[in-house]
Amino acid sequence: MRKSKTALRALFPTVRGEILAATLTQPDKWWYLSELAQFLRTAPSSLQRDLKALVDGGILEQRREGTRAYFKADTRSPLFADLHGLVEKTAGLLPTLHRLLEQFDTRVHVAFVYGSIARGEEHATSDVDLLVIGTVGLAELAPTLRKVEEQLGREVNVTSYSQAEFRTKVGAGDHFLTEVLRGSKQFVKGGQRDLDEVVGKPRRSKASNIKKRTR
């Protein structure tokens, strides 16, 4: 995930990249200049040049209320979808959730986002649906989740299972998990092969595949 941050910085100067990360991950939010500066832990004066460039380029919108200037992502921009996708991958949802789970190390075996966000059908206020399989419980996740929700400006709904419980429920035909497994997924920890192992699907070895082809 460090490489993801580096990728964003390679494309944009540091301050501009941070502005884009803040505004594009919360595209409906109007940021007051000093509020944005406080969020980015910098001085308002250090943002003005990059904000002007982003407004002039049609990437951000600006409005004024008296002497106050407010900024938000211009969702009508032809560049919005591409930039939003880039920021989500580099400084947005998945890297943030990865950092959340990283602290629990091997206690999280598999984790993925499902639902509207995984399908690419989300809107600015869509909740994040996260499924976690491992030995970490909701009580341990909750304090960090609150910080993540504040950072993303979205509610994060977590469902957690032990590996044994998940396998049992899937084997029993649990309706909720059947629908989740059928749907789109964006993996935060592990991948499809790890999920298949939890469910109990046997791995296909290269040798068995060769035998099948030679029959």
C-alpha atoms as a PDB file:
ATOM      1  CA  MET A   1       0.000   0.000   0.000  1.00  0.00           C
ATOM      2  CA  ARG A   2       2.963   2.313   0.390  1.00  0.00           C
ATOM      3  CA  LYS A   3       3.467   1.962  -3.369  1.00  0.00           C
ATOM      4  CA  SER A   4      -0.093   3.251  -3.872  1.00  0.00           C
ATOM      5  CA  LYS A   5       0.654   6.477  -2.036  1.00  0.00           C
ATOM      6  CA  THR A   6       3.865   6.818  -4.027  1.00  0.00           C
ATOM      7  CA  ALA A   7       1.882   6.419  -7.244  1.00  0.00           C
ATOM      8  CA  LEU A   8      -0.395   9.313  -6.317  1.00  0.00           C
ATOM      9  CA  ARG A   9       2.574  11.520  -5.419  1.00  0.00           C
ATOM     10  CA  ALA A  10       4.283  10.623  -8.696  1.00  0.00           C
ATOM     11  CA  LEU A  11       1.270  11.898 -10.625  1.00  0.00           C
ATOM     12  CA  PHE A  12       0.556  14.997  -8.526  1.00  0.00           C
ATOM     13  CA  PRO A  13       2.621  17.299  -6.308  1.00  0.00           C
ATOM     14  CA  THR A  14       2.226  16.315  -2.651  1.00  0.00           C
ATOM     15  CA  VAL A  15      -0.201  19.090  -1.641  1.00  0.00           C
ATOM     16  CA  ARG A  16      -2.316  18.714  -4.772  1.00  0.00           C
ATOM     17  CA  GLY A  17      -2.502  14.962  -4.292  1.00  0.00           C
ATOM     18  CA  GLU A  18      -3.655  15.408  -0.702  1.00  0.00           C
ATOM     19  CA  ILE A  19      -6.335  17.893  -1.775  1.00  0.00           C
ATOM     20  CA  LEU A  20      -7.573  15.443  -4.405  1.00  0.00           C
ATOM     21  CA  ALA A  21      -7.603  12.574  -1.914  1.00  0.00           C
ATOM     22  CA  ALA A  22      -9.709  14.595   0.543  1.00  0.00           C
ATOM     23  CA  THR A  23     -12.169  16.044  -1.966  1.00  0.00           C
ATOM     24  CA  LEU A  24     -12.607  13.064  -4.280  1.00  0.00           C
ATOM     25  CA  THR A  25     -13.226  10.524  -1.530  1.00  0.00           C
ATOM     26  CA  GLN A  26     -16.019  12.767  -0.197  1.00  0.00           C
ATOM     27  CA  PRO A  27     -17.290  14.268  -3.466  1.00  0.00           C
ATOM     28  CA  ASP A  28     -20.488  15.840  -2.073  1.00  0.00           C
ATOM     29  CA  LYS A  29     -18.764  17.664   0.763  1.00  0.00           C
ATOM     30  CA  TRP A  30     -18.075  21.414   0.554  1.00  0.00           C
ATOM     31  CA  TRP A  31     -14.759  22.125   2.312  1.00  0.00           C
ATOM     32  CA  TYR A  32     -14.176  25.499   3.924  1.00  0.00           C
ATOM     33  CA  LEU A  33     -10.567  26.492   3.287  1.00  0.00           C
ATOM     34  CA  SER A  34      -9.446  26.459   6.915  1.00  0.00           C
ATOM     35  CA  GLU A  35     -11.324  23.193   7.530  1.00  0.00           C
ATOM     36  CA  LEU A  36      -9.515  21.536   4.645  1.00  0.00           C
ATOM     37  CA  ALA A  37      -6.192  22.911   5.871  1.00  0.00           C
ATOM     38  CA  GLN A  38      -6.870  21.560   9.357  1.00  0.00           C
ATOM     39  CA  PHE A  39      -7.818  18.150   7.911  1.00  0.00           C
ATOM     40  CA  LEU A  40      -4.570  18.060   5.919  1.00  0.00           C
ATOM     41  CA  ARG A  41      -2.582  19.452   8.861  1.00  0.00           C
ATOM     42  CA  THR A  42      -1.200  22.405   6.974  1.00  0.00           C
ATOM     43  CA  ALA A  43      -1.678  26.185   6.707  1.00  0.00           C
ATOM     44  CA  PRO A  44      -4.532  27.553   4.538  1.00  0.00           C
ATOM     45  CA  SER A  45      -2.049  29.691   2.593  1.00  0.00           C
ATOM     46  CA  SER A  46      -0.198  26.550   1.454  1.00  0.00           C
ATOM     47  CA  LEU A  47      -3.320  25.257  -0.297  1.00  0.00           C
ATOM     48  CA  GLN A  48      -4.390  28.336  -2.215  1.00  0.00           C
ATOM     49  CA  ARG A  49      -2.226  27.919  -5.314  1.00  0.00           C
ATOM     50  CA  ASP A  50      -3.155  24.272  -5.826  1.00  0.00           C
ATOM     51  CA  LEU A  51      -6.832  24.898  -5.117  1.00  0.00           C
ATOM     52  CA  LYS A  52      -6.869  27.651  -7.751  1.00  0.00           C
ATOM     53  CA  ALA A  53      -5.200  25.338 -10.273  1.00  0.00           C
ATOM     54  CA  LEU A  54      -7.733  22.574  -9.604  1.00  0.00           C
ATOM     55  CA  VAL A  55     -10.660  25.001  -9.893  1.00  0.00           C
ATOM     56  CA  ASP A  56      -9.254  26.496 -13.117  1.00  0.00           C
ATOM     57  CA  GLY A  57      -8.813  22.965 -14.479  1.00  0.00           C
ATOM     58  CA  GLY A  58     -12.461  22.100 -13.804  1.00  0.00           C
ATOM     59  CA  ILE A  59     -11.622  19.406 -11.261  1.00  0.00           C
ATOM     60  CA  LEU A  60     -12.948  21.309  -8.233  1.00  0.00           C
ATOM     61  CA  GLU A  61     -15.865  23.691  -7.818  1.00  0.00           C
ATOM     62  CA  GLN A  62     -15.655  26.862  -5.737  1.00  0.00           C
ATOM     63  CA  ARG A  63     -18.362  28.960  -4.104  1.00  0.00           C
ATOM     64  CA  ARG A  64     -18.240  31.917  -1.776  1.00  0.00           C
ATOM     65  CA  GLU A  65     -20.320  32.899   1.207  1.00  0.00           C
ATOM     66  CA  GLY A  66     -19.237  36.379   2.185  1.00  0.00           C
ATOM     67  CA  THR A  67     -15.492  36.233   2.652  1.00  0.00           C
ATOM     68  CA  ARG A  68     -15.444  32.449   2.978  1.00  0.00           C
ATOM     69  CA  ALA A  69     -14.409  30.218   0.091  1.00  0.00           C
ATOM     70  CA  TYR A  70     -15.660  26.640  -0.158  1.00  0.00           C
ATOM     71  CA  PHE A  71     -14.422  23.865  -2.422  1.00  0.00           C
ATOM     72  CA  LYS A  72     -15.708  20.453  -3.535  1.00  0.00           C
ATOM     73  CA  ALA A  73     -15.114  17.925  -6.297  1.00  0.00           C
ATOM     74  CA  ASP A  74     -16.789  18.838  -9.578  1.00  0.00           C
ATOM     75  CA  THR A  75     -18.705  15.622 -10.220  1.00  0.00           C
ATOM     76  CA  ARG A  76     -19.761  16.958 -13.649  1.00  0.00           C
ATOM     77  CA  SER A  77     -16.160  17.057 -14.842  1.00  0.00           C
ATOM     78  CA  PRO A  78     -15.334  14.525 -17.579  1.00  0.00           C
ATOM     79  CA  LEU A  79     -12.255  13.656 -15.504  1.00  0.00           C
ATOM     80  CA  PHE A  80     -14.171  12.967 -12.289  1.00  0.00           C
ATOM     81  CA  ALA A  81     -14.809   9.243 -12.771  1.00  0.00           C
ATOM     82  CA  ASP A  82     -11.191   8.475 -13.685  1.00  0.00           C
ATOM     83  CA  LEU A  83      -9.713  10.627 -10.919  1.00  0.00           C
ATOM     84  CA  HIS A  84     -12.153   9.261  -8.355  1.00  0.00           C
ATOM     85  CA  GLY A  85     -11.216   5.713  -9.308  1.00  0.00           C
ATOM     86  CA  LEU A  86      -7.523   6.514  -9.118  1.00  0.00           C
ATOM     87  CA  VAL A  87      -7.807   8.149  -5.701  1.00  0.00           C
ATOM     88  CA  GLU A  88      -9.966   5.333  -4.329  1.00  0.00           C
ATOM     89  CA  LYS A  89      -7.259   2.870  -5.340  1.00  0.00           C
ATOM     90  CA  THR A  90      -4.331   4.944  -4.097  1.00  0.00           C
ATOM     91  CA  ALA A  91      -5.523   6.988  -1.140  1.00  0.00           C
ATOM     92  CA  GLY A  92      -9.145   6.073  -0.638  1.00  0.00           C
ATOM     93  CA  LEU A  93     -11.323   3.252   0.502  1.00  0.00           C
ATOM     94  CA  LEU A  94      -9.341   0.046  -0.004  1.00  0.00           C
ATOM     95  CA  PRO A  95      -5.974   1.311   1.265  1.00  0.00           C
ATOM     96  CA  THR A  96      -7.712   2.821   4.315  1.00  0.00           C
ATOM     97  CA  LEU A  97      -9.457  -0.458   5.123  1.00  0.00           C
ATOM     98  CA  HIS A  98      -6.221  -2.348   4.536  1.00  0.00           C
ATOM     99  CA  ARG A  99      -4.441  -0.152   7.083  1.00  0.00           C
ATOM    100  CA  LEU A 100      -7.314  -0.809   9.525  1.00  0.00           C
ATOM    101  CA  LEU A 101      -6.892  -4.577   9.255  1.00  0.00           C
ATOM    102  CA  GLU A 102      -3.099  -4.564   8.990  1.00  0.00           C
ATOM    103  CA  GLN A 103      -2.758  -4.003  12.730  1.00  0.00           C
ATOM    104  CA  PHE A 104      -4.519  -7.333  13.407  1.00  0.00           C
ATOM    105  CA  ASP A 105      -2.004  -9.160  11.199  1.00  0.00           C
ATOM    106  CA  THR A 106      -2.675 -12.918  10.923  1.00  0.00           C
ATOM    107  CA  ARG A 107      -5.869 -12.704  12.984  1.00  0.00           C
ATOM    108  CA  VAL A 108      -7.642 -11.610   9.797  1.00  0.00           C
ATOM    109  CA  HIS A 109      -7.529 -14.375   7.187  1.00  0.00           C
ATOM    110  CA  VAL A 110      -9.777 -12.877   4.508  1.00  0.00           C
ATOM    111  CA  ALA A 111     -11.591  -9.556   4.220  1.00  0.00           C
ATOM    112  CA  PHE A 112     -13.484  -8.008   1.337  1.00  0.00           C
ATOM    113  CA  VAL A 113     -15.899  -5.244   0.421  1.00  0.00           C
ATOM    114  CA  TYR A 114     -19.178  -6.372  -1.132  1.00  0.00           C
ATOM    115  CA  GLY A 115     -22.444  -4.726  -2.177  1.00  0.00           C
ATOM    116  CA  SER A 116     -22.908  -1.549  -4.210  1.00  0.00           C
ATOM    117  CA  ILE A 117     -19.307  -0.347  -3.824  1.00  0.00           C
ATOM    118  CA  ALA A 118     -17.884  -3.670  -5.022  1.00  0.00           C
ATOM    119  CA  ARG A 119     -20.263  -3.530  -8.005  1.00  0.00           C
ATOM    120  CA  GLY A 120     -19.178   0.022  -8.833  1.00  0.00           C
ATOM    121  CA  GLU A 121     -22.720   1.319  -8.287  1.00  0.00           C
ATOM    122  CA  GLU A 122     -22.126   3.411  -5.178  1.00  0.00           C
ATOM    123  CA  HIS A 123     -22.990   7.050  -4.648  1.00  0.00           C
ATOM    124  CA  ALA A 124     -21.337   9.519  -2.302  1.00  0.00           C
ATOM    125  CA  THR A 125     -23.329   8.454   0.760  1.00  0.00           C
ATOM    126  CA  SER A 126     -23.206   4.676   0.163  1.00  0.00           C
ATOM    127  CA  ASP A 127     -22.309   2.628   3.210  1.00  0.00           C
ATOM    128  CA  VAL A 128     -19.233   0.412   3.031  1.00  0.00           C
ATOM    129  CA  ASP A 129     -20.119  -3.267   3.498  1.00  0.00           C
ATOM    130  CA  LEU A 130     -17.085  -5.148   4.823  1.00  0.00           C
ATOM    131  CA  LEU A 131     -16.925  -8.862   5.608  1.00  0.00           C
ATOM    132  CA  VAL A 132     -14.080 -10.090   7.813  1.00  0.00           C
ATOM    133  CA  ILE A 133     -13.129 -13.735   8.380  1.00  0.00           C
ATOM    134  CA  GLY A 134     -10.723 -14.465  11.216  1.00  0.00           C
ATOM    135  CA  THR A 135     -10.359 -14.351  14.980  1.00  0.00           C
ATOM    136  CA  VAL A 136     -10.792 -10.603  15.471  1.00  0.00           C
ATOM    137  CA  GLY A 137     -14.178  -9.489  16.796  1.00  0.00           C
ATOM    138  CA  LEU A 138     -16.343  -6.417  16.281  1.00  0.00           C
ATOM    139  CA  ALA A 139     -15.491  -5.080  19.750  1.00  0.00           C
ATOM    140  CA  GLU A 140     -11.824  -4.860  18.760  1.00  0.00           C
ATOM    141  CA  LEU A 141     -12.565  -3.395  15.338  1.00  0.00           C
ATOM    142  CA  ALA A 142     -15.023  -0.741  16.560  1.00  0.00           C
ATOM    143  CA  PRO A 143     -12.631   1.969  17.883  1.00  0.00           C
ATOM    144  CA  THR A 144     -10.570   2.025  14.687  1.00  0.00           C
ATOM    145  CA  LEU A 145     -13.697   1.795  12.530  1.00  0.00           C
ATOM    146  CA  ARG A 146     -14.995   5.060  13.976  1.00  0.00           C
ATOM    147  CA  LYS A 147     -11.808   6.817  12.822  1.00  0.00           C
ATOM    148  CA  VAL A 148     -12.084   5.239   9.368  1.00  0.00           C
ATOM    149  CA  GLU A 149     -15.715   6.370   9.060  1.00  0.00           C
ATOM    150  CA  GLU A 150     -14.702   9.903   9.934  1.00  0.00           C
ATOM    151  CA  GLN A 151     -11.886   9.842   7.392  1.00  0.00           C
ATOM    152  CA  LEU A 152     -13.992   8.402   4.569  1.00  0.00           C
ATOM    153  CA  GLY A 153     -17.193  10.246   5.403  1.00  0.00           C
ATOM    154  CA  ARG A 154     -19.067   6.938   5.083  1.00  0.00           C
ATOM    155  CA  GLU A 155     -20.564   4.432   7.491  1.00  0.00           C
ATOM    156  CA  VAL A 156     -18.709   1.106   7.540  1.00  0.00           C
ATOM    157  CA  ASN A 157     -20.881  -1.951   8.205  1.00  0.00           C
ATOM    158  CA  VAL A 158     -18.763  -4.892   9.327  1.00  0.00           C
ATOM    159  CA  THR A 159     -19.839  -8.517   9.514  1.00  0.00           C
ATOM    160  CA  SER A 160     -17.285 -10.856  11.054  1.00  0.00           C
ATOM    161  CA  TYR A 161     -17.026 -14.636  11.271  1.00  0.00           C
ATOM    162  CA  SER A 162     -14.503 -17.179  12.431  1.00  0.00           C
ATOM    163  CA  GLN A 163     -13.333 -19.500   9.656  1.00  0.00           C
ATOM    164  CA  ALA A 164     -15.271 -22.415  11.138  1.00  0.00           C
ATOM    165  CA  GLU A 165     -18.469 -20.407  11.519  1.00  0.00           C
ATOM    166  CA  PHE A 166     -18.233 -19.040   7.979  1.00  0.00           C
ATOM    167  CA  ARG A 167     -17.699 -22.503   6.485  1.00  0.00           C
ATOM    168  CA  THR A 168     -20.584 -23.962   8.509  1.00  0.00           C
ATOM    169  CA  LYS A 169     -23.012 -21.237   7.473  1.00  0.00           C
ATOM    170  CA  VAL A 170     -22.055 -21.464   3.809  1.00  0.00           C
ATOM    171  CA  GLY A 171     -22.394 -25.249   3.950  1.00  0.00           C
ATOM    172  CA  ALA A 172     -25.853 -24.887   5.468  1.00  0.00           C
ATOM    173  CA  GLY A 173     -26.930 -22.628   2.601  1.00  0.00           C
ATOM    174  CA  ASP A 174     -27.129 -19.383   4.589  1.00  0.00           C
ATOM    175  CA  HIS A 175     -29.051 -17.012   2.290  1.00  0.00           C
ATOM    176  CA  PHE A 176     -27.059 -13.873   3.145  1.00  0.00           C
ATOM    177  CA  LEU A 177     -23.656 -15.481   2.611  1.00  0.00           C
ATOM    178  CA  THR A 178     -24.804 -17.261  -0.545  1.00  0.00           C
ATOM    179  CA  GLU A 179     -25.767 -13.902  -2.059  1.00  0.00           C
ATOM    180  CA  VAL A 180     -22.507 -12.275  -0.904  1.00  0.00           C
ATOM    181  CA  LEU A 181     -20.414 -15.073  -2.420  1.00  0.00           C
ATOM    182  CA  ARG A 182     -22.302 -14.801  -5.709  1.00  0.00           C
ATOM    183  CA  GLY A 183     -21.804 -11.049  -5.898  1.00  0.00           C
ATOM    184  CA  SER A 184     -18.855  -8.809  -6.722  1.00  0.00           C
ATOM    185  CA  LYS A 185     -16.043  -8.487  -4.190  1.00  0.00           C
ATOM    186  CA  GLN A 186     -13.080  -6.178  -3.687  1.00  0.00           C
ATOM    187  CA  PHE A 187     -10.518  -7.926  -1.505  1.00  0.00           C
ATOM    188  CA  VAL A 188      -8.849  -5.967   1.270  1.00  0.00           C
ATOM    189  CA  LYS A 189      -6.982  -8.958   2.745  1.00  0.00           C
ATOM    190  CA  GLY A 190      -6.347 -12.250   0.972  1.00  0.00           C
ATOM    191  CA  GLY A 191      -7.976 -13.152  -2.321  1.00  0.00           C
ATOM    192  CA  GLN A 192     -10.403 -15.514  -4.031  1.00  0.00           C
ATOM    193  CA  ARG A 193      -8.178 -18.532  -3.452  1.00  0.00           C
ATOM    194  CA  ASP A 194      -8.033 -17.815   0.291  1.00  0.00           C
ATOM    195  CA  LEU A 195     -11.814 -17.433   0.380  1.00  0.00           C
ATOM    196  CA  ASP A 196     -12.267 -20.730  -1.471  1.00  0.00           C
ATOM    197  CA  GLU A 197     -10.054 -22.418   1.132  1.00  0.00           C
ATOM    198  CA  VAL A 198     -12.216 -21.098   3.969  1.00  0.00           C
ATOM    199  CA  VAL A 199     -15.376 -22.295   2.226  1.00  0.00           C
ATOM    200  CA  GLY A 200     -13.760 -25.690   1.726  1.00  0.00           C
ATOM    201  CA  LYS A 201     -13.348 -25.769  -2.037  1.00  0.00           C
ATOM    202  CA  PRO A 202     -10.402 -28.029  -2.953  1.00  0.00           C
ATOM    203  CA  ARG A 203      -7.461 -26.495  -4.745  1.00  0.00           C
ATOM    204  CA  ARG A 204      -6.740 -27.800  -8.202  1.00  0.00           C
ATOM    205  CA  SER A 205      -3.128 -28.831  -8.557  1.00  0.00           C
ATOM    206  CA  LYS A 206      -1.225 -28.359 -11.791  1.00  0.00           C
ATOM    207  CA  ALA A 207      -0.653 -32.112 -11.910  1.00  0.00           C
ATOM    208  CA  SER A 208      -4.383 -32.911 -11.790  1.00  0.00           C
ATOM    209  CA  ASN A 209      -5.053 -30.385 -14.546  1.00  0.00           C
ATOM    210  CA  ILE A 210      -2.401 -32.010 -16.736  1.00  0.00           C
ATOM    211  CA  LYS A 211      -3.923 -35.471 -16.179  1.00  0.00           C
ATOM    212  CA  LYS A 212      -7.366 -34.187 -17.165  1.00  0.00           C
ATOM    213  CA  ARG A 213      -6.024 -32.720 -20.383  1.00  0.00           C
ATOM    214  CA  THR A 214      -4.157 -35.929 -21.348  1.00  0.00           C
ATOM    215  CA  ARG A 215      -7.147 -38.233 -20.876  1.00  0.00           C
END
